[in-house]
Amino acid sequence: SDPIKLDFQGIDPAIFFDDDGKAYVVHNDA
């Protein structure tokens, strides 16, 4: 797809999908 811009600063984001359907983003920041 075309990019979807995400509303946070920092770099190196990663995404995690849990068994219960929830999702999380982790990343480096100041």
ModelCIF file with pLDDT and N, C-alpha, C, O atoms, coordinates in Angstrom:
data_MODEL
#
_entry.id   MODEL 
#
_entity.id                         1 
_entity.type                       polymer 
_entity.pdbx_number_of_molecules   1 
#
_entity_poly.entity_id                      1 
_entity_poly.type                           'polypeptide(L)' 
_entity_poly.nstd_linkage                   no 
_entity_poly.nstd_monomer                   no 
_entity_poly.pdbx_seq_one_letter_code       SDPIKLDFQGIDPAIFFDDDGKAYVVHNDA 
_entity_poly.pdbx_seq_one_letter_code_can   SDPIKLDFQGIDPAIFFDDDGKAYVVHNDA 
_entity_poly.pdbx_strand_id                 A 
#
loop_
_entity_poly_seq.entity_id 
_entity_poly_seq.num 
_entity_poly_seq.mon_id 
_entity_poly_seq.hetero 
1 1  SER n 
1 2  ASP n 
1 3  PRO n 
1 4  ILE n 
1 5  LYS n 
1 6  LEU n 
1 7  ASP n 
1 8  PHE n 
1 9  GLN n 
1 10 GLY n 
1 11 ILE n 
1 12 ASP n 
1 13 PRO n 
1 14 ALA n 
1 15 ILE n 
1 16 PHE n 
1 17 PHE n 
1 18 ASP n 
1 19 ASP n 
1 20 ASP n 
1 21 GLY n 
1 22 LYS n 
1 23 ALA n 
1 24 TYR n 
1 25 VAL n 
1 26 VAL n 
1 27 HIS n 
1 28 ASN n 
1 29 ASP n 
1 30 ALA n 
#
_struct_asym.id          A 
_struct_asym.entity_id   1 
#
loop_
_ma_qa_metric.id 
_ma_qa_metric.mode 
_ma_qa_metric.name 
_ma_qa_metric.software_group_id 
_ma_qa_metric.type 
1 global pLDDT . pLDDT 
2 local  pLDDT . pLDDT 
#
_ma_qa_metric_global.metric_id      1 
_ma_qa_metric_global.metric_value   97.67 
_ma_qa_metric_global.model_id       1 
_ma_qa_metric_global.ordinal_id     1 
#
loop_
_ma_qa_metric_local.label_asym_id 
_ma_qa_metric_local.label_comp_id 
_ma_qa_metric_local.label_seq_id 
_ma_qa_metric_local.metric_id 
_ma_qa_metric_local.metric_value 
_ma_qa_metric_local.model_id 
_ma_qa_metric_local.ordinal_id 
A SER 1  2 98.00 1 1  
A ASP 2  2 98.00 1 2  
A PRO 3  2 98.00 1 3  
A ILE 4  2 98.00 1 4  
A LYS 5  2 98.00 1 5  
A LEU 6  2 98.00 1 6  
A ASP 7  2 98.00 1 7  
A PHE 8  2 98.00 1 8  
A GLN 9  2 96.00 1 9  
A GLY 10 2 97.00 1 10 
A ILE 11 2 97.00 1 11 
A ASP 12 2 98.00 1 12 
A PRO 13 2 98.00 1 13 
A ALA 14 2 98.00 1 14 
A ILE 15 2 98.00 1 15 
A PHE 16 2 98.00 1 16 
A PHE 17 2 98.00 1 17 
A ASP 18 2 98.00 1 18 
A ASP 19 2 96.00 1 19 
A ASP 20 2 96.00 1 20 
A GLY 21 2 96.00 1 21 
A LYS 22 2 98.00 1 22 
A ALA 23 2 98.00 1 23 
A TYR 24 2 98.00 1 24 
A VAL 25 2 98.00 1 25 
A VAL 26 2 98.00 1 26 
A HIS 27 2 98.00 1 27 
A ASN 28 2 98.00 1 28 
A ASP 29 2 98.00 1 29 
A ALA 30 2 98.00 1 30 
#
loop_
_atom_site.group_PDB 
_atom_site.id 
_atom_site.type_symbol 
_atom_site.label_atom_id 
_atom_site.label_alt_id 
_atom_site.label_comp_id 
_atom_site.label_asym_id 
_atom_site.label_entity_id 
_atom_site.label_seq_id 
_atom_site.pdbx_PDB_ins_code 
_atom_site.Cartn_x 
_atom_site.Cartn_y 
_atom_site.Cartn_z 
_atom_site.occupancy 
_atom_site.B_iso_or_equiv 
_atom_site.pdbx_formal_charge 
_atom_site.auth_seq_id 
_atom_site.auth_comp_id 
_atom_site.auth_asym_id 
_atom_site.auth_atom_id 
_atom_site.pdbx_PDB_model_num 
ATOM 1   N N  . SER A 1 1  ? 0.822  -1.206  0.000  1.00 98.00 ? 1  SER A N  1 
ATOM 2   C CA . SER A 1 1  ? 0.000  0.000   0.000  1.00 98.00 ? 1  SER A CA 1 
ATOM 3   C C  . SER A 1 1  ? 0.857  1.256   0.000  1.00 98.00 ? 1  SER A C  1 
ATOM 4   O O  . SER A 1 1  ? 2.066  1.191   0.217  1.00 98.00 ? 1  SER A O  1 
ATOM 5   N N  . ASP A 1 2  ? 0.230  2.390   -0.243 1.00 98.00 ? 2  ASP A N  1 
ATOM 6   C CA . ASP A 1 2  ? 0.909  3.662   -0.012 1.00 98.00 ? 2  ASP A CA 1 
ATOM 7   C C  . ASP A 1 2  ? 1.115  3.854   1.495  1.00 98.00 ? 2  ASP A C  1 
ATOM 8   O O  . ASP A 1 2  ? 0.393  3.260   2.296  1.00 98.00 ? 2  ASP A O  1 
ATOM 9   N N  . PRO A 1 3  ? 2.089  4.677   1.883  1.00 98.00 ? 3  PRO A N  1 
ATOM 10  C CA . PRO A 1 3  ? 2.398  4.834   3.304  1.00 98.00 ? 3  PRO A CA 1 
ATOM 11  C C  . PRO A 1 3  ? 1.270  5.504   4.090  1.00 98.00 ? 3  PRO A C  1 
ATOM 12  O O  . PRO A 1 3  ? 0.577  6.395   3.600  1.00 98.00 ? 3  PRO A O  1 
ATOM 13  N N  . ILE A 1 4  ? 1.120  5.045   5.303  1.00 98.00 ? 4  ILE A N  1 
ATOM 14  C CA . ILE A 1 4  ? 0.259  5.695   6.287  1.00 98.00 ? 4  ILE A CA 1 
ATOM 15  C C  . ILE A 1 4  ? 1.187  6.357   7.299  1.00 98.00 ? 4  ILE A C  1 
ATOM 16  O O  . ILE A 1 4  ? 1.984  5.682   7.951  1.00 98.00 ? 4  ILE A O  1 
ATOM 17  N N  . LYS A 1 5  ? 1.085  7.660   7.427  1.00 98.00 ? 5  LYS A N  1 
ATOM 18  C CA . LYS A 1 5  ? 1.974  8.395   8.315  1.00 98.00 ? 5  LYS A CA 1 
ATOM 19  C C  . LYS A 1 5  ? 1.531  8.207   9.765  1.00 98.00 ? 5  LYS A C  1 
ATOM 20  O O  . LYS A 1 5  ? 0.350  8.353   10.084 1.00 98.00 ? 5  LYS A O  1 
ATOM 21  N N  . LEU A 1 6  ? 2.477  7.887   10.634 1.00 98.00 ? 6  LEU A N  1 
ATOM 22  C CA . LEU A 1 6  ? 2.181  7.607   12.034 1.00 98.00 ? 6  LEU A CA 1 
ATOM 23  C C  . LEU A 1 6  ? 2.532  8.807   12.911 1.00 98.00 ? 6  LEU A C  1 
ATOM 24  O O  . LEU A 1 6  ? 3.502  9.524   12.662 1.00 98.00 ? 6  LEU A O  1 
ATOM 25  N N  . ASP A 1 7  ? 1.727  8.999   13.926 1.00 98.00 ? 7  ASP A N  1 
ATOM 26  C CA . ASP A 1 7  ? 1.786  10.236  14.709 1.00 98.00 ? 7  ASP A CA 1 
ATOM 27  C C  . ASP A 1 7  ? 2.671  10.084  15.941 1.00 98.00 ? 7  ASP A C  1 
ATOM 28  O O  . ASP A 1 7  ? 2.192  10.144  17.074 1.00 98.00 ? 7  ASP A O  1 
ATOM 29  N N  . PHE A 1 8  ? 3.981  9.885   15.704 1.00 98.00 ? 8  PHE A N  1 
ATOM 30  C CA . PHE A 1 8  ? 4.934  9.901   16.815 1.00 98.00 ? 8  PHE A CA 1 
ATOM 31  C C  . PHE A 1 8  ? 6.315  10.207  16.261 1.00 98.00 ? 8  PHE A C  1 
ATOM 32  O O  . PHE A 1 8  ? 6.572  10.031  15.070 1.00 98.00 ? 8  PHE A O  1 
ATOM 33  N N  . GLN A 1 9  ? 7.196  10.662  17.132 1.00 96.00 ? 9  GLN A N  1 
ATOM 34  C CA . GLN A 1 9  ? 8.567  10.999  16.765 1.00 96.00 ? 9  GLN A CA 1 
ATOM 35  C C  . GLN A 1 9  ? 9.481  9.797   17.028 1.00 96.00 ? 9  GLN A C  1 
ATOM 36  O O  . GLN A 1 9  ? 9.015  8.722   17.408 1.00 96.00 ? 9  GLN A O  1 
ATOM 37  N N  . GLY A 1 10 ? 10.792 9.996   16.820 1.00 97.00 ? 10 GLY A N  1 
ATOM 38  C CA . GLY A 1 10 ? 11.738 8.919   17.071 1.00 97.00 ? 10 GLY A CA 1 
ATOM 39  C C  . GLY A 1 10 ? 12.000 8.096   15.818 1.00 97.00 ? 10 GLY A C  1 
ATOM 40  O O  . GLY A 1 10 ? 11.536 8.427   14.727 1.00 97.00 ? 10 GLY A O  1 
ATOM 41  N N  . ILE A 1 11 ? 12.760 7.011   16.000 1.00 97.00 ? 11 ILE A N  1 
ATOM 42  C CA . ILE A 1 11 ? 13.152 6.163   14.875 1.00 97.00 ? 11 ILE A CA 1 
ATOM 43  C C  . ILE A 1 11 ? 12.990 4.690   15.245 1.00 97.00 ? 11 ILE A C  1 
ATOM 44  O O  . ILE A 1 11 ? 12.648 4.352   16.378 1.00 97.00 ? 11 ILE A O  1 
ATOM 45  N N  . ASP A 1 12 ? 13.242 3.828   14.270 1.00 98.00 ? 12 ASP A N  1 
ATOM 46  C CA . ASP A 1 12 ? 13.290 2.374   14.457 1.00 98.00 ? 12 ASP A CA 1 
ATOM 47  C C  . ASP A 1 12 ? 11.984 1.800   15.026 1.00 98.00 ? 12 ASP A C  1 
ATOM 48  O O  . ASP A 1 12 ? 12.032 1.043   15.996 1.00 98.00 ? 12 ASP A O  1 
ATOM 49  N N  . PRO A 1 13 ? 10.837 2.133   14.460 1.00 98.00 ? 13 PRO A N  1 
ATOM 50  C CA . PRO A 1 13 ? 9.608  1.550   14.986 1.00 98.00 ? 13 PRO A CA 1 
ATOM 51  C C  . PRO A 1 13 ? 9.479  0.069   14.630 1.00 98.00 ? 13 PRO A C  1 
ATOM 52  O O  . PRO A 1 13 ? 9.936  -0.376  13.577 1.00 98.00 ? 13 PRO A O  1 
ATOM 53  N N  . ALA A 1 14 ? 8.855  -0.671  15.520 1.00 98.00 ? 14 ALA A N  1 
ATOM 54  C CA . ALA A 1 14 ? 8.513  -2.074  15.273 1.00 98.00 ? 14 ALA A CA 1 
ATOM 55  C C  . ALA A 1 14 ? 7.104  -2.316  15.794 1.00 98.00 ? 14 ALA A C  1 
ATOM 56  O O  . ALA A 1 14 ? 6.645  -1.643  16.716 1.00 98.00 ? 14 ALA A O  1 
ATOM 57  N N  . ILE A 1 15 ? 6.429  -3.280  15.195 1.00 98.00 ? 15 ILE A N  1 
ATOM 58  C CA . ILE A 1 15 ? 5.038  -3.536  15.560 1.00 98.00 ? 15 ILE A CA 1 
ATOM 59  C C  . ILE A 1 15 ? 4.905  -4.952  16.114 1.00 98.00 ? 15 ILE A C  1 
ATOM 60  O O  . ILE A 1 15 ? 5.575  -5.874  15.648 1.00 98.00 ? 15 ILE A O  1 
ATOM 61  N N  . PHE A 1 16 ? 4.042  -5.117  17.106 1.00 98.00 ? 16 PHE A N  1 
ATOM 62  C CA . PHE A 1 16 ? 3.826  -6.419  17.736 1.00 98.00 ? 16 PHE A CA 1 
ATOM 63  C C  . PHE A 1 16 ? 2.327  -6.690  17.817 1.00 98.00 ? 16 PHE A C  1 
ATOM 64  O O  . PHE A 1 16 ? 1.553  -5.848  18.272 1.00 98.00 ? 16 PHE A O  1 
ATOM 65  N N  . PHE A 1 17 ? 1.931  -7.881  17.366 1.00 98.00 ? 17 PHE A N  1 
ATOM 66  C CA . PHE A 1 17 ? 0.524  -8.291  17.403 1.00 98.00 ? 17 PHE A CA 1 
ATOM 67  C C  . PHE A 1 17 ? 0.367  -9.393  18.441 1.00 98.00 ? 17 PHE A C  1 
ATOM 68  O O  . PHE A 1 17 ? 0.970  -10.460 18.324 1.00 98.00 ? 17 PHE A O  1 
ATOM 69  N N  . ASP A 1 18 ? -0.441 -9.129  19.449 1.00 98.00 ? 18 ASP A N  1 
ATOM 70  C CA . ASP A 1 18 ? -0.644 -10.087 20.529 1.00 98.00 ? 18 ASP A CA 1 
ATOM 71  C C  . ASP A 1 18 ? -1.749 -11.079 20.160 1.00 98.00 ? 18 ASP A C  1 
ATOM 72  O O  . ASP A 1 18 ? -2.525 -10.865 19.228 1.00 98.00 ? 18 ASP A O  1 
ATOM 73  N N  . ASP A 1 19 ? -1.790 -12.173 20.927 1.00 96.00 ? 19 ASP A N  1 
ATOM 74  C CA . ASP A 1 19 ? -2.778 -13.221 20.654 1.00 96.00 ? 19 ASP A CA 1 
ATOM 75  C C  . ASP A 1 19 ? -4.208 -12.735 20.820 1.00 96.00 ? 19 ASP A C  1 
ATOM 76  O O  . ASP A 1 19 ? -5.119 -13.266 20.184 1.00 96.00 ? 19 ASP A O  1 
ATOM 77  N N  . ASP A 1 20 ? -4.418 -11.733 21.668 1.00 96.00 ? 20 ASP A N  1 
ATOM 78  C CA . ASP A 1 20 ? -5.778 -11.266 21.957 1.00 96.00 ? 20 ASP A CA 1 
ATOM 79  C C  . ASP A 1 20 ? -6.284 -10.243 20.938 1.00 96.00 ? 20 ASP A C  1 
ATOM 80  O O  . ASP A 1 20 ? -7.359 -9.670  21.114 1.00 96.00 ? 20 ASP A O  1 
ATOM 81  N N  . GLY A 1 21 ? -5.515 -10.015 19.879 1.00 96.00 ? 21 GLY A N  1 
ATOM 82  C CA . GLY A 1 21 ? -5.925 -9.076  18.847 1.00 96.00 ? 21 GLY A CA 1 
ATOM 83  C C  . GLY A 1 21 ? -5.394 -7.676  19.026 1.00 96.00 ? 21 GLY A C  1 
ATOM 84  O O  . GLY A 1 21 ? -5.487 -6.853  18.115 1.00 96.00 ? 21 GLY A O  1 
ATOM 85  N N  . LYS A 1 22 ? -4.838 -7.393  20.190 1.00 98.00 ? 22 LYS A N  1 
ATOM 86  C CA . LYS A 1 22 ? -4.267 -6.065  20.420 1.00 98.00 ? 22 LYS A CA 1 
ATOM 87  C C  . LYS A 1 22 ? -2.921 -5.932  19.710 1.00 98.00 ? 22 LYS A C  1 
ATOM 88  O O  . LYS A 1 22 ? -2.262 -6.924  19.401 1.00 98.00 ? 22 LYS A O  1 
ATOM 89  N N  . ALA A 1 23 ? -2.533 -4.688  19.461 1.00 98.00 ? 23 ALA A N  1 
ATOM 90  C CA . ALA A 1 23 ? -1.272 -4.425  18.788 1.00 98.00 ? 23 ALA A CA 1 
ATOM 91  C C  . ALA A 1 23 ? -0.550 -3.279  19.489 1.00 98.00 ? 23 ALA A C  1 
ATOM 92  O O  . ALA A 1 23 ? -1.162 -2.441  20.150 1.00 98.00 ? 23 ALA A O  1 
ATOM 93  N N  . TYR A 1 24 ? 0.779  -3.270  19.322 1.00 98.00 ? 24 TYR A N  1 
ATOM 94  C CA . TYR A 1 24 ? 1.619  -2.277  19.984 1.00 98.00 ? 24 TYR A CA 1 
ATOM 95  C C  . TYR A 1 24 ? 2.744  -1.861  19.035 1.00 98.00 ? 24 TYR A C  1 
ATOM 96  O O  . TYR A 1 24 ? 3.188  -2.639  18.191 1.00 98.00 ? 24 TYR A O  1 
ATOM 97  N N  . VAL A 1 25 ? 3.191  -0.613  19.197 1.00 98.00 ? 25 VAL A N  1 
ATOM 98  C CA . VAL A 1 25 ? 4.361  -0.122  18.474 1.00 98.00 ? 25 VAL A CA 1 
ATOM 99  C C  . VAL A 1 25 ? 5.415  0.277   19.495 1.00 98.00 ? 25 VAL A C  1 
ATOM 100 O O  . VAL A 1 25 ? 5.126  0.980   20.463 1.00 98.00 ? 25 VAL A O  1 
ATOM 101 N N  . VAL A 1 26 ? 6.648  -0.183  19.266 1.00 98.00 ? 26 VAL A N  1 
ATOM 102 C CA . VAL A 1 26 ? 7.789  0.222   20.083 1.00 98.00 ? 26 VAL A CA 1 
ATOM 103 C C  . VAL A 1 26 ? 8.792  0.939   19.188 1.00 98.00 ? 26 VAL A C  1 
ATOM 104 O O  . VAL A 1 26 ? 8.882  0.654   17.994 1.00 98.00 ? 26 VAL A O  1 
ATOM 105 N N  . HIS A 1 27 ? 9.548  1.876   19.772 1.00 98.00 ? 27 HIS A N  1 
ATOM 106 C CA . HIS A 1 27 ? 10.513 2.614   18.963 1.00 98.00 ? 27 HIS A CA 1 
ATOM 107 C C  . HIS A 1 27 ? 11.532 3.312   19.856 1.00 98.00 ? 27 HIS A C  1 
ATOM 108 O O  . HIS A 1 27 ? 11.342 3.454   21.064 1.00 98.00 ? 27 HIS A O  1 
ATOM 109 N N  . ASN A 1 28 ? 12.609 3.738   19.224 1.00 98.00 ? 28 ASN A N  1 
ATOM 110 C CA . ASN A 1 28 ? 13.624 4.564   19.871 1.00 98.00 ? 28 ASN A CA 1 
ATOM 111 C C  . ASN A 1 28 ? 13.149 6.017   19.887 1.00 98.00 ? 28 ASN A C  1 
ATOM 112 O O  . ASN A 1 28 ? 12.513 6.479   18.940 1.00 98.00 ? 28 ASN A O  1 
ATOM 113 N N  . ASP A 1 29 ? 13.460 6.729   20.962 1.00 98.00 ? 29 ASP A N  1 
ATOM 114 C CA . ASP A 1 29 ? 13.109 8.147   21.030 1.00 98.00 ? 29 ASP A CA 1 
ATOM 115 C C  . ASP A 1 29 ? 14.094 8.855   21.968 1.00 98.00 ? 29 ASP A C  1 
ATOM 116 O O  . ASP A 1 29 ? 14.888 8.220   22.662 1.00 98.00 ? 29 ASP A O  1 
ATOM 117 N N  . ALA A 1 30 ? 14.017 10.179  21.963 1.00 98.00 ? 30 ALA A N  1 
ATOM 118 C CA . ALA A 1 30 ? 14.799 10.970  22.909 1.00 98.00 ? 30 ALA A CA 1 
ATOM 119 C C  . ALA A 1 30 ? 14.147 10.880  24.292 1.00 98.00 ? 30 ALA A C  1 
ATOM 120 O O  . ALA A 1 30 ? 14.644 11.476  25.248 1.00 98.00 ? 30 ALA A O  1 
#
